[in-house]
Amino acid sequence: MVVLYVDPNPGLRSRRAALLAQAGHAVHEAGGAESAVAVAQQLEPLEVLVTESLLGGGFSGFDLRDAVRAKFPGLRTVVTSRQAPSDLSAWIEDSVVLREPIG
């Protein structure tokens, strides 16, 4: 499976991307929305986007999902967030939201 993992926290991003790679997935990383869109444009195929809900620069993980789906309409998306999924209900659509541990 080809995965794009996006998180502005480089340490967290690299650890989680390594876990996905160890599970046998082809993993590409980006630190923000703009770099993620650039990476996605170079990929063929892209099956799963894993992104933090808040990316900075005025972009959310849901904005990123929508931008990347222009090229990959069947893209599956997992959004990580410290907010409760109910707080994000206006944007979730068919994405899976995983709540991050708080602390």
Protein backbone atom coordinates (compact mmCIF):
# COMPACT_ATOMS: atom_id res chain seq x y z
CA MET A 1 0.00 0.00 0.00
CA VAL A 2 1.30 3.48 -0.86
CA VAL A 3 0.89 5.92 2.05
CA LEU A 4 1.56 9.64 2.38
CA TYR A 5 2.12 10.54 6.05
CA VAL A 6 1.81 14.24 6.86
CA ASP A 7 2.55 15.78 10.24
CA PRO A 8 4.34 19.03 11.14
CA ASN A 9 6.11 17.30 14.06
CA PRO A 10 9.21 15.73 12.43
CA GLY A 11 10.00 13.32 15.27
CA LEU A 12 6.48 11.97 15.51
CA ARG A 13 6.16 11.82 11.72
CA SER A 14 9.37 9.84 11.25
CA ARG A 15 8.54 7.36 14.04
CA ARG A 16 5.06 6.68 12.74
CA ALA A 17 6.19 6.51 9.11
CA ALA A 18 8.84 3.97 10.15
CA LEU A 19 6.15 1.82 11.80
CA LEU A 20 4.09 1.88 8.62
CA ALA A 21 7.16 0.98 6.55
CA GLN A 22 7.98 -1.90 8.91
CA ALA A 23 4.45 -3.18 8.28
CA GLY A 24 5.32 -3.38 4.57
CA HIS A 25 3.84 -0.14 3.24
CA ALA A 26 5.60 2.24 0.86
CA VAL A 27 5.60 5.45 2.91
CA HIS A 28 6.26 9.00 1.76
CA GLU A 29 6.48 11.87 4.26
CA ALA A 30 5.69 15.57 4.29
CA GLY A 31 5.71 18.20 7.02
CA GLY A 32 2.87 20.37 5.77
CA ALA A 33 0.09 20.78 3.25
CA GLU A 34 2.07 22.46 0.50
CA SER A 35 4.89 19.93 0.58
CA ALA A 36 2.37 17.08 0.79
CA VAL A 37 0.59 18.26 -2.36
CA ALA A 38 3.97 18.45 -4.14
CA VAL A 39 4.85 14.90 -3.02
CA ALA A 40 1.41 13.59 -4.03
CA GLN A 41 1.78 15.06 -7.52
CA GLN A 42 4.89 12.90 -7.99
CA LEU A 43 3.24 9.67 -6.87
CA GLU A 44 1.35 7.09 -8.86
CA PRO A 45 -0.51 5.50 -7.17
CA LEU A 46 -1.38 6.94 -3.76
CA GLU A 47 -3.80 4.84 -1.74
CA VAL A 48 -3.87 6.28 1.79
CA LEU A 49 -3.29 9.74 3.22
CA VAL A 50 -2.54 9.92 6.95
CA THR A 51 -2.53 13.51 8.16
CA GLU A 52 -2.69 15.60 11.30
CA SER A 53 -5.90 17.64 11.44
CA LEU A 54 -4.07 20.94 12.03
CA LEU A 55 -1.20 21.55 9.62
CA GLY A 56 -0.53 25.26 10.05
CA GLY A 57 -0.43 27.90 7.38
CA GLY A 58 -4.21 28.03 7.38
CA PHE A 59 -4.52 24.44 6.14
CA SER A 60 -6.24 21.51 7.79
CA GLY A 61 -5.80 17.85 7.07
CA PHE A 62 -9.27 17.97 5.51
CA ASP A 63 -8.16 20.75 3.13
CA LEU A 64 -5.20 18.57 2.20
CA ARG A 65 -7.45 15.56 1.64
CA ASP A 66 -9.63 17.57 -0.73
CA ALA A 67 -6.62 18.90 -2.67
CA VAL A 68 -5.01 15.47 -3.08
CA ARG A 69 -8.31 13.88 -4.12
CA ALA A 70 -8.23 16.06 -7.23
CA LYS A 71 -5.64 13.59 -8.54
CA PHE A 72 -6.65 10.52 -6.50
CA PRO A 73 -10.46 10.51 -6.18
CA GLY A 74 -10.52 7.12 -4.43
CA LEU A 75 -8.01 8.18 -1.78
CA ARG A 76 -8.66 6.82 1.71
CA THR A 77 -7.85 9.26 4.50
CA VAL A 78 -6.97 8.89 8.17
CA VAL A 79 -6.88 12.13 10.17
CA THR A 80 -5.19 12.27 13.56
CA SER A 81 -6.40 14.90 16.01
CA ARG A 82 -6.39 15.89 19.66
CA GLN A 83 -9.96 17.09 19.17
CA ALA A 84 -12.89 14.75 19.62
CA PRO A 85 -14.26 13.47 16.30
CA SER A 86 -17.59 15.10 17.14
CA ASP A 87 -15.81 18.49 17.04
CA LEU A 88 -14.74 17.76 13.46
CA SER A 89 -18.01 16.35 12.17
CA ALA A 90 -18.53 19.12 9.61
CA TRP A 91 -15.36 18.04 7.76
CA ILE A 92 -14.99 14.30 8.34
CA GLU A 93 -17.06 12.99 5.39
CA ASP A 94 -15.65 9.50 4.70
CA SER A 95 -12.35 10.02 6.54
CA VAL A 96 -11.38 8.03 9.61
CA VAL A 97 -10.44 10.20 12.62
CA LEU A 98 -8.05 8.83 15.24
CA ARG A 99 -7.91 10.77 18.47
CA GLU A 100 -4.38 11.53 19.62
CA PRO A 101 -3.48 11.05 23.27
CA ILE A 102 -3.58 14.31 25.19
CA GLY A 103 -0.67 14.99 27.47
